[in-house]
Amino acid sequence: MTTREQARAEAIELMARRVAERDHTAYADRADPEPFAESLFVELAALGLRFVPAVRPVPPAAHRPGKGPATPEQVSGYLTHLRKKFPKQGDQP
């Protein structure tokens, strides 16, 4: 196993162990989600892993010229259109 594969395996083992420990703790005694995640990232950094955003920024060439951000009316119309496509919660498909 290469060093990169070992680091990945260690990171997966660490995350699985920490989440399992958290899940076995009584709900009232669990740490808040943000400090829990922060401590997990600190432990991963101690293994040598660094946070890298998964989403790349959109290159300027990908933006359509002359098309600014959507207006509130456009967003509202689009959401209304989407709501019609999906059944309400509790409705039978």
PDB file of N, CA and C in Angstrom:
ATOM      1  N   MET A   1       0.844  -1.170   0.000  1.00  0.00           N
ATOM      2  CA  MET A   1       0.000   0.000   0.000  1.00  0.00           C
ATOM      3  C   MET A   1       0.897   1.243   0.000  1.00  0.00           C
ATOM      4  N   THR A   2       0.551   2.202  -0.840  1.00  0.00           N
ATOM      5  CA  THR A   2       1.357   3.422  -0.903  1.00  0.00           C
ATOM      6  C   THR A   2       1.053   4.317   0.292  1.00  0.00           C
ATOM      7  N   THR A   3       1.880   5.325   0.447  1.00  0.00           N
ATOM      8  CA  THR A   3       1.682   6.267   1.556  1.00  0.00           C
ATOM      9  C   THR A   3       0.343   6.972   1.428  1.00  0.00           C
ATOM     10  N   ARG A   4      -0.034   7.331   0.206  1.00  0.00           N
ATOM     11  CA  ARG A   4      -1.308   8.024  -0.007  1.00  0.00           C
ATOM     12  C   ARG A   4      -2.479   7.102   0.351  1.00  0.00           C
ATOM     13  N   GLU A   5      -2.389   5.841  -0.048  1.00  0.00           N
ATOM     14  CA  GLU A   5      -3.449   4.890   0.275  1.00  0.00           C
ATOM     15  C   GLU A   5      -3.520   4.647   1.778  1.00  0.00           C
ATOM     16  N   GLN A   6      -2.362   4.612   2.440  1.00  0.00           N
ATOM     17  CA  GLN A   6      -2.342   4.432   3.894  1.00  0.00           C
ATOM     18  C   GLN A   6      -2.989   5.626   4.584  1.00  0.00           C
ATOM     19  N   ALA A   7      -2.668   6.821   4.124  1.00  0.00           N
ATOM     20  CA  ALA A   7      -3.253   8.028   4.721  1.00  0.00           C
ATOM     21  C   ALA A   7      -4.758   8.042   4.523  1.00  0.00           C
ATOM     22  N   ARG A   8      -5.211   7.639   3.339  1.00  0.00           N
ATOM     23  CA  ARG A   8      -6.646   7.596   3.070  1.00  0.00           C
ATOM     24  C   ARG A   8      -7.320   6.566   3.979  1.00  0.00           C
ATOM     25  N   ALA A   9      -6.709   5.412   4.129  1.00  0.00           N
ATOM     26  CA  ALA A   9      -7.272   4.369   4.997  1.00  0.00           C
ATOM     27  C   ALA A   9      -7.324   4.833   6.447  1.00  0.00           C
ATOM     28  N   GLU A  10      -6.267   5.489   6.911  1.00  0.00           N
ATOM     29  CA  GLU A  10      -6.247   6.014   8.279  1.00  0.00           C
ATOM     30  C   GLU A  10      -7.324   7.070   8.477  1.00  0.00           C
ATOM     31  N   ALA A  11      -7.515   7.933   7.484  1.00  0.00           N
ATOM     32  CA  ALA A  11      -8.526   8.984   7.583  1.00  0.00           C
ATOM     33  C   ALA A  11      -9.927   8.377   7.640  1.00  0.00           C
ATOM     34  N   ILE A  12     -10.181   7.385   6.814  1.00  0.00           N
ATOM     35  CA  ILE A  12     -11.495   6.744   6.807  1.00  0.00           C
ATOM     36  C   ILE A  12     -11.744   6.042   8.138  1.00  0.00           C
ATOM     37  N   GLU A  13     -10.727   5.367   8.646  1.00  0.00           N
ATOM     38  CA  GLU A  13     -10.850   4.684   9.933  1.00  0.00           C
ATOM     39  C   GLU A  13     -11.117   5.689  11.056  1.00  0.00           C
ATOM     40  N   LEU A  14     -10.416   6.810  11.028  1.00  0.00           N
ATOM     41  CA  LEU A  14     -10.603   7.852  12.040  1.00  0.00           C
ATOM     42  C   LEU A  14     -12.026   8.399  11.991  1.00  0.00           C
ATOM     43  N   MET A  15     -12.488   8.742  10.793  1.00  0.00           N
ATOM     44  CA  MET A  15     -13.839   9.298  10.667  1.00  0.00           C
ATOM     45  C   MET A  15     -14.893   8.290  11.116  1.00  0.00           C
ATOM     46  N   ALA A  16     -14.738   7.036  10.701  1.00  0.00           N
ATOM     47  CA  ALA A  16     -15.708   6.008  11.079  1.00  0.00           C
ATOM     48  C   ALA A  16     -15.728   5.819  12.593  1.00  0.00           C
ATOM     49  N   ARG A  17     -14.548   5.782  13.212  1.00  0.00           N
ATOM     50  CA  ARG A  17     -14.469   5.606  14.659  1.00  0.00           C
ATOM     51  C   ARG A  17     -15.097   6.778  15.401  1.00  0.00           C
ATOM     52  N   ARG A  18     -14.775   7.996  14.967  1.00  0.00           N
ATOM     53  CA  ARG A  18     -15.305   9.182  15.652  1.00  0.00           C
ATOM     54  C   ARG A  18     -16.816   9.288  15.526  1.00  0.00           C
ATOM     55  N   VAL A  19     -17.354   8.996  14.330  1.00  0.00           N
ATOM     56  CA  VAL A  19     -18.805   9.066  14.135  1.00  0.00           C
ATOM     57  C   VAL A  19     -19.493   7.960  14.934  1.00  0.00           C
ATOM     58  N   ALA A  20     -18.898   6.771  14.957  1.00  0.00           N
ATOM     59  CA  ALA A  20     -19.482   5.672  15.749  1.00  0.00           C
ATOM     60  C   ALA A  20     -19.482   6.029  17.234  1.00  0.00           C
ATOM     61  N   GLU A  21     -18.394   6.612  17.722  1.00  0.00           N
ATOM     62  CA  GLU A  21     -18.339   7.031  19.132  1.00  0.00           C
ATOM     63  C   GLU A  21     -19.413   8.057  19.422  1.00  0.00           C
ATOM     64  N   ARG A  22     -19.572   9.013  18.513  1.00  0.00           N
ATOM     65  CA  ARG A  22     -20.589  10.044  18.713  1.00  0.00           C
ATOM     66  C   ARG A  22     -21.985   9.437  18.707  1.00  0.00           C
ATOM     67  N   ASP A  23     -22.235   8.502  17.800  1.00  0.00           N
ATOM     68  CA  ASP A  23     -23.560   7.894  17.703  1.00  0.00           C
ATOM     69  C   ASP A  23     -23.900   7.021  18.907  1.00  0.00           C
ATOM     70  N   HIS A  24     -22.887   6.482  19.587  1.00  0.00           N
ATOM     71  CA  HIS A  24     -23.131   5.650  20.751  1.00  0.00           C
ATOM     72  C   HIS A  24     -23.257   6.473  22.030  1.00  0.00           C
ATOM     73  N   THR A  25     -23.021   7.768  21.938  1.00  0.00           N
ATOM     74  CA  THR A  25     -23.162   8.656  23.088  1.00  0.00           C
ATOM     75  C   THR A  25     -24.627   9.065  23.203  1.00  0.00           C
ATOM     76  N   ALA A  26     -25.121   9.166  24.423  1.00  0.00           N
ATOM     77  CA  ALA A  26     -26.504   9.605  24.624  1.00  0.00           C
ATOM     78  C   ALA A  26     -26.700  10.965  23.965  1.00  0.00           C
ATOM     79  N   TYR A  27     -27.872  11.157  23.386  1.00  0.00           N
ATOM     80  CA  TYR A  27     -28.137  12.381  22.617  1.00  0.00           C
ATOM     81  C   TYR A  27     -27.883  13.642  23.445  1.00  0.00           C
ATOM     82  N   ALA A  28     -28.274  13.630  24.690  1.00  0.00           N
ATOM     83  CA  ALA A  28     -28.099  14.820  25.541  1.00  0.00           C
ATOM     84  C   ALA A  28     -26.634  15.107  25.828  1.00  0.00           C
ATOM     85  N   ASP A  29     -25.772  14.087  25.757  1.00  0.00           N
ATOM     86  CA  ASP A  29     -24.356  14.256  26.067  1.00  0.00           C
ATOM     87  C   ASP A  29     -23.482  14.482  24.839  1.00  0.00           C
ATOM     88  N   ARG A  30     -24.080  14.450  23.656  1.00  0.00           N
ATOM     89  CA  ARG A  30     -23.286  14.607  22.433  1.00  0.00           C
ATOM     90  C   ARG A  30     -22.741  16.018  22.307  1.00  0.00           C
ATOM     91  N   ALA A  31     -21.575  16.103  21.682  1.00  0.00           N
ATOM     92  CA  ALA A  31     -20.981  17.416  21.409  1.00  0.00           C
ATOM     93  C   ALA A  31     -21.802  18.105  20.316  1.00  0.00           C
ATOM     94  N   ASP A  32     -21.763  19.411  20.314  1.00  0.00           N
ATOM     95  CA  ASP A  32     -22.430  20.154  19.255  1.00  0.00           C
ATOM     96  C   ASP A  32     -21.780  19.793  17.922  1.00  0.00           C
ATOM     97  N   PRO A  33     -22.540  19.853  16.832  1.00  0.00           N
ATOM     98  CA  PRO A  33     -22.000  19.428  15.538  1.00  0.00           C
ATOM     99  C   PRO A  33     -20.768  20.218  15.077  1.00  0.00           C
ATOM    100  N   GLU A  34     -20.772  21.526  15.275  1.00  0.00           N
ATOM    101  CA  GLU A  34     -19.655  22.333  14.770  1.00  0.00           C
ATOM    102  C   GLU A  34     -18.340  22.032  15.500  1.00  0.00           C
ATOM    103  N   PRO A  35     -18.324  22.007  16.835  1.00  0.00           N
ATOM    104  CA  PRO A  35     -17.068  21.635  17.505  1.00  0.00           C
ATOM    105  C   PRO A  35     -16.642  20.199  17.180  1.00  0.00           C
ATOM    106  N   PHE A  36     -17.614  19.300  17.021  1.00  0.00           N
ATOM    107  CA  PHE A  36     -17.287  17.920  16.665  1.00  0.00           C
ATOM    108  C   PHE A  36     -16.590  17.888  15.307  1.00  0.00           C
ATOM    109  N   ALA A  37     -17.161  18.565  14.322  1.00  0.00           N
ATOM    110  CA  ALA A  37     -16.565  18.588  12.989  1.00  0.00           C
ATOM    111  C   ALA A  37     -15.196  19.267  13.013  1.00  0.00           C
ATOM    112  N   GLU A  38     -15.092  20.352  13.778  1.00  0.00           N
ATOM    113  CA  GLU A  38     -13.821  21.068  13.861  1.00  0.00           C
ATOM    114  C   GLU A  38     -12.733  20.171  14.463  1.00  0.00           C
ATOM    115  N   SER A  39     -13.071  19.441  15.518  1.00  0.00           N
ATOM    116  CA  SER A  39     -12.078  18.557  16.130  1.00  0.00           C
ATOM    117  C   SER A  39     -11.702  17.422  15.181  1.00  0.00           C
ATOM    118  N   LEU A  40     -12.667  16.966  14.378  1.00  0.00           N
ATOM    119  CA  LEU A  40     -12.378  15.923  13.398  1.00  0.00           C
ATOM    120  C   LEU A  40     -11.402  16.443  12.341  1.00  0.00           C
ATOM    121  N   PHE A  41     -11.623  17.665  11.868  1.00  0.00           N
ATOM    122  CA  PHE A  41     -10.702  18.257  10.890  1.00  0.00           C
ATOM    123  C   PHE A  41      -9.304  18.441  11.482  1.00  0.00           C
ATOM    124  N   VAL A  42      -9.226  18.784  12.765  1.00  0.00           N
ATOM    125  CA  VAL A  42      -7.921  18.940  13.416  1.00  0.00           C
ATOM    126  C   VAL A  42      -7.204  17.599  13.455  1.00  0.00           C
ATOM    127  N   GLU A  43      -7.927  16.537  13.787  1.00  0.00           N
ATOM    128  CA  GLU A  43      -7.307  15.214  13.818  1.00  0.00           C
ATOM    129  C   GLU A  43      -6.872  14.769  12.419  1.00  0.00           C
ATOM    130  N   LEU A  44      -7.690  15.083  11.411  1.00  0.00           N
ATOM    131  CA  LEU A  44      -7.310  14.741  10.035  1.00  0.00           C
ATOM    132  C   LEU A  44      -6.069  15.527   9.614  1.00  0.00           C
ATOM    133  N   ALA A  45      -5.984  16.789  10.033  1.00  0.00           N
ATOM    134  CA  ALA A  45      -4.806  17.592   9.719  1.00  0.00           C
ATOM    135  C   ALA A  45      -3.567  17.013  10.397  1.00  0.00           C
ATOM    136  N   ALA A  46      -3.746  16.437  11.581  1.00  0.00           N
ATOM    137  CA  ALA A  46      -2.619  15.816  12.268  1.00  0.00           C
ATOM    138  C   ALA A  46      -2.105  14.599  11.504  1.00  0.00           C
ATOM    139  N   LEU A  47      -2.988  13.979  10.717  1.00  0.00           N
ATOM    140  CA  LEU A  47      -2.574  12.858   9.868  1.00  0.00           C
ATOM    141  C   LEU A  47      -1.903  13.353   8.579  1.00  0.00           C
ATOM    142  N   GLY A  48      -1.931  14.670   8.368  1.00  0.00           N
ATOM    143  CA  GLY A  48      -1.301  15.232   7.179  1.00  0.00           C
ATOM    144  C   GLY A  48      -2.270  15.580   6.074  1.00  0.00           C
ATOM    145  N   LEU A  49      -3.577  15.399   6.318  1.00  0.00           N
ATOM    146  CA  LEU A  49      -4.563  15.726   5.290  1.00  0.00           C
ATOM    147  C   LEU A  49      -4.936  17.198   5.386  1.00  0.00           C
ATOM    148  N   ARG A  50      -5.194  17.797   4.275  1.00  0.00           N
ATOM    149  CA  ARG A  50      -5.572  19.201   4.226  1.00  0.00           C
ATOM    150  C   ARG A  50      -6.902  19.341   3.515  1.00  0.00           C
ATOM    151  N   PHE A  51      -7.711  20.284   3.971  1.00  0.00           N
ATOM    152  CA  PHE A  51      -9.016  20.540   3.369  1.00  0.00           C
ATOM    153  C   PHE A  51      -8.832  21.175   1.999  1.00  0.00           C
ATOM    154  N   VAL A  52      -9.504  20.612   1.020  1.00  0.00           N
ATOM    155  CA  VAL A  52      -9.511  21.154  -0.340  1.00  0.00           C
ATOM    156  C   VAL A  52     -10.968  21.204  -0.784  1.00  0.00           C
ATOM    157  N   PRO A  53     -11.478  22.374  -1.156  1.00  0.00           N
ATOM    158  CA  PRO A  53     -12.879  22.433  -1.584  1.00  0.00           C
ATOM    159  C   PRO A  53     -13.125  21.491  -2.754  1.00  0.00           C
ATOM    160  N   ALA A  54     -14.274  20.818  -2.730  1.00  0.00           N
ATOM    161  CA  ALA A  54     -14.601  19.849  -3.773  1.00  0.00           C
ATOM    162  C   ALA A  54     -15.110  20.534  -5.038  1.00  0.00           C
ATOM    163  N   VAL A  55     -15.608  21.735  -4.917  1.00  0.00           N
ATOM    164  CA  VAL A  55     -16.183  22.432  -6.057  1.00  0.00           C
ATOM    165  C   VAL A  55     -15.193  23.476  -6.560  1.00  0.00           C
ATOM    166  N   ARG A  56     -14.910  23.400  -7.814  1.00  0.00           N
ATOM    167  CA  ARG A  56     -13.994  24.376  -8.403  1.00  0.00           C
ATOM    168  C   ARG A  56     -14.762  25.651  -8.738  1.00  0.00           C
ATOM    169  N   PRO A  57     -14.107  26.791  -8.683  1.00  0.00           N
ATOM    170  CA  PRO A  57     -14.787  28.023  -9.076  1.00  0.00           C
ATOM    171  C   PRO A  57     -15.110  27.988 -10.567  1.00  0.00           C
ATOM    172  N   VAL A  58     -16.197  28.621 -10.924  1.00  0.00           N
ATOM    173  CA  VAL A  58     -16.614  28.661 -12.323  1.00  0.00           C
ATOM    174  C   VAL A  58     -15.696  29.624 -13.066  1.00  0.00           C
ATOM    175  N   PRO A  59     -15.088  29.168 -14.163  1.00  0.00           N
ATOM    176  CA  PRO A  59     -14.206  30.075 -14.900  1.00  0.00           C
ATOM    177  C   PRO A  59     -15.013  31.207 -15.535  1.00  0.00           C
ATOM    178  N   PRO A  60     -14.411  32.397 -15.648  1.00  0.00           N
ATOM    179  CA  PRO A  60     -15.144  33.536 -16.209  1.00  0.00           C
ATOM    180  C   PRO A  60     -15.705  33.258 -17.607  1.00  0.00           C
ATOM    181  N   ALA A  61     -15.042  32.416 -18.387  1.00  0.00           N
ATOM    182  CA  ALA A  61     -15.516  32.136 -19.743  1.00  0.00           C
ATOM    183  C   ALA A  61     -16.828  31.363 -19.735  1.00  0.00           C
ATOM    184  N   ALA A  62     -17.165  30.703 -18.621  1.00  0.00           N
ATOM    185  CA  ALA A  62     -18.388  29.907 -18.559  1.00  0.00           C
ATOM    186  C   ALA A  62     -19.626  30.772 -18.347  1.00  0.00           C
ATOM    187  N   HIS A  63     -19.460  31.997 -17.889  1.00  0.00           N
ATOM    188  CA  HIS A  63     -20.599  32.887 -17.684  1.00  0.00           C
ATOM    189  C   HIS A  63     -21.113  33.381 -19.032  1.00  0.00           C
ATOM    190  N   ARG A  64     -22.427  33.383 -19.155  1.00  0.00           N
ATOM    191  CA  ARG A  64     -23.004  33.865 -20.405  1.00  0.00           C
ATOM    192  C   ARG A  64     -22.961  35.385 -20.429  1.00  0.00           C
ATOM    193  N   PRO A  65     -22.460  35.973 -21.497  1.00  0.00           N
ATOM    194  CA  PRO A  65     -22.397  37.435 -21.552  1.00  0.00           C
ATOM    195  C   PRO A  65     -23.799  38.038 -21.570  1.00  0.00           C
ATOM    196  N   GLY A  66     -23.949  39.126 -20.845  1.00  0.00           N
ATOM    197  CA  GLY A  66     -25.216  39.853 -20.835  1.00  0.00           C
ATOM    198  C   GLY A  66     -26.260  39.239 -19.916  1.00  0.00           C
ATOM    199  N   LYS A  67     -25.951  38.181 -19.255  1.00  0.00           N
ATOM    200  CA  LYS A  67     -26.903  37.535 -18.354  1.00  0.00           C
ATOM    201  C   LYS A  67     -26.458  37.771 -16.921  1.00  0.00           C
ATOM    202  N   GLY A  68     -27.142  38.645 -16.233  1.00  0.00           N
ATOM    203  CA  GLY A  68     -26.815  38.930 -14.846  1.00  0.00           C
ATOM    204  C   GLY A  68     -27.488  37.933 -13.927  1.00  0.00           C
ATOM    205  N   PRO A  69     -27.411  38.172 -12.629  1.00  0.00           N
ATOM    206  CA  PRO A  69     -28.076  37.278 -11.692  1.00  0.00           C
ATOM    207  C   PRO A  69     -29.591  37.330 -11.880  1.00  0.00           C
ATOM    208  N   ALA A  70     -30.253  36.279 -11.468  1.00  0.00           N
ATOM    209  CA  ALA A  70     -31.705  36.196 -11.609  1.00  0.00           C
ATOM    210  C   ALA A  70     -32.384  37.219 -10.701  1.00  0.00           C
ATOM    211  N   THR A  71     -33.501  37.726 -11.173  1.00  0.00           N
ATOM    212  CA  THR A  71     -34.292  38.664 -10.363  1.00  0.00           C
ATOM    213  C   THR A  71     -35.130  37.859  -9.379  1.00  0.00           C
ATOM    214  N   PRO A  72     -35.619  38.490  -8.311  1.00  0.00           N
ATOM    215  CA  PRO A  72     -36.486  37.771  -7.372  1.00  0.00           C
ATOM    216  C   PRO A  72     -37.727  37.179  -8.050  1.00  0.00           C
ATOM    217  N   GLU A  73     -38.253  37.863  -9.045  1.00  0.00           N
ATOM    218  CA  GLU A  73     -39.428  37.359  -9.756  1.00  0.00           C
ATOM    219  C   GLU A  73     -39.089  36.090 -10.537  1.00  0.00           C
ATOM    220  N   GLN A  74     -37.915  36.054 -11.163  1.00  0.00           N
ATOM    221  CA  GLN A  74     -37.497  34.875 -11.903  1.00  0.00           C
ATOM    222  C   GLN A  74     -37.312  33.682 -10.962  1.00  0.00           C
ATOM    223  N   VAL A  75     -36.692  33.928  -9.816  1.00  0.00           N
ATOM    224  CA  VAL A  75     -36.482  32.858  -8.843  1.00  0.00           C
ATOM    225  C   VAL A  75     -37.818  32.339  -8.337  1.00  0.00           C
ATOM    226  N   SER A  76     -38.739  33.237  -8.006  1.00  0.00           N
ATOM    227  CA  SER A  76     -40.056  32.840  -7.525  1.00  0.00           C
ATOM    228  C   SER A  76     -40.794  32.012  -8.575  1.00  0.00           C
ATOM    229  N   GLY A  77     -40.733  32.444  -9.826  1.00  0.00           N
ATOM    230  CA  GLY A  77     -41.384  31.702 -10.907  1.00  0.00           C
ATOM    231  C   GLY A  77     -40.781  30.319 -11.084  1.00  0.00           C
ATOM    232  N   TYR A  78     -39.471  30.227 -10.980  1.00  0.00           N
ATOM    233  CA  TYR A  78     -38.800  28.939 -11.130  1.00  0.00           C
ATOM    234  C   TYR A  78     -39.175  28.005  -9.984  1.00  0.00           C
ATOM    235  N   LEU A  79     -39.227  28.524  -8.752  1.00  0.00           N
ATOM    236  CA  LEU A  79     -39.605  27.697  -7.610  1.00  0.00           C
ATOM    237  C   LEU A  79     -41.046  27.222  -7.726  1.00  0.00           C
ATOM    238  N   THR A  80     -41.937  28.078  -8.200  1.00  0.00           N
ATOM    239  CA  THR A  80     -43.327  27.679  -8.411  1.00  0.00           C
ATOM    240  C   THR A  80     -43.392  26.551  -9.430  1.00  0.00           C
ATOM    241  N   HIS A  81     -42.627  26.674 -10.498  1.00  0.00           N
ATOM    242  CA  HIS A  81     -42.565  25.643 -11.536  1.00  0.00           C
ATOM    243  C   HIS A  81     -42.080  24.319 -10.937  1.00  0.00           C
ATOM    244  N   LEU A  82     -41.034  24.361 -10.100  1.00  0.00           N
ATOM    245  CA  LEU A  82     -40.502  23.138  -9.492  1.00  0.00           C
ATOM    246  C   LEU A  82     -41.485  22.516  -8.509  1.00  0.00           C
ATOM    247  N   ARG A  83     -42.187  23.365  -7.743  1.00  0.00           N
ATOM    248  CA  ARG A  83     -43.132  22.838  -6.755  1.00  0.00           C
ATOM    249  C   ARG A  83     -44.255  22.056  -7.437  1.00  0.00           C
ATOM    250  N   LYS A  84     -44.644  22.470  -8.633  1.00  0.00           N
ATOM    251  CA  LYS A  84     -45.696  21.766  -9.365  1.00  0.00           C
ATOM    252  C   LYS A  84     -45.220  20.387  -9.810  1.00  0.00           C
ATOM    253  N   LYS A  85     -43.916  20.224 -10.007  1.00  0.00           N
ATOM    254  CA  LYS A  85     -43.375  18.950 -10.470  1.00  0.00           C
ATOM    255  C   LYS A  85     -43.328  17.901  -9.378  1.00  0.00           C
ATOM    256  N   PHE A  86     -43.186  18.317  -8.130  1.00  0.00           N
ATOM    257  CA  PHE A  86     -43.015  17.388  -7.027  1.00  0.00           C
ATOM    258  C   PHE A  86     -44.292  17.306  -6.205  1.00  0.00           C
ATOM    259  N   PRO A  87     -44.675  16.085  -5.802  1.00  0.00           N
ATOM    260  CA  PRO A  87     -45.883  15.962  -4.975  1.00  0.00           C
ATOM    261  C   PRO A  87     -45.662  16.553  -3.589  1.00  0.00           C
ATOM    262  N   LYS A  88     -46.736  16.984  -2.999  1.00  0.00           N
ATOM    263  CA  LYS A  88     -46.638  17.517  -1.639  1.00  0.00           C
ATOM    264  C   LYS A  88     -46.317  16.368  -0.699  1.00  0.00           C
ATOM    265  N   GLN A  89     -45.682  16.686   0.412  1.00  0.00           N
ATOM    266  CA  GLN A  89     -45.322  15.658   1.384  1.00  0.00           C
ATOM    267  C   GLN A  89     -46.599  15.042   1.938  1.00  0.00           C
ATOM    268  N   GLY A  90     -46.646  13.725   1.976  1.00  0.00           N
ATOM    269  CA  GLY A  90     -47.829  13.030   2.454  1.00  0.00           C
ATOM    270  C   GLY A  90     -48.718  12.546   1.334  1.00  0.00           C
ATOM    271  N   ASP A  91     -48.597  13.123   0.131  1.00  0.00           N
ATOM    272  CA  ASP A  91     -49.365  12.656  -1.012  1.00  0.00           C
ATOM    273  C   ASP A  91     -48.794  11.337  -1.502  1.00  0.00           C
ATOM    274  N   GLN A  92     -49.655  10.493  -2.000  1.00  0.00           N
ATOM    275  CA  GLN A  92     -49.217   9.214  -2.547  1.00  0.00           C
ATOM    276  C   GLN A  92     -48.741   9.429  -3.984  1.00  0.00           C
ATOM    277  N   PRO A  93     -47.591   8.791  -4.360  1.00  0.00           N
ATOM    278  CA  PRO A  93     -47.099   8.958  -5.743  1.00  0.00           C
ATOM    279  C   PRO A  93     -47.956   8.258  -6.747  1.00  0.00           C
TER     280      PRO A  93
END
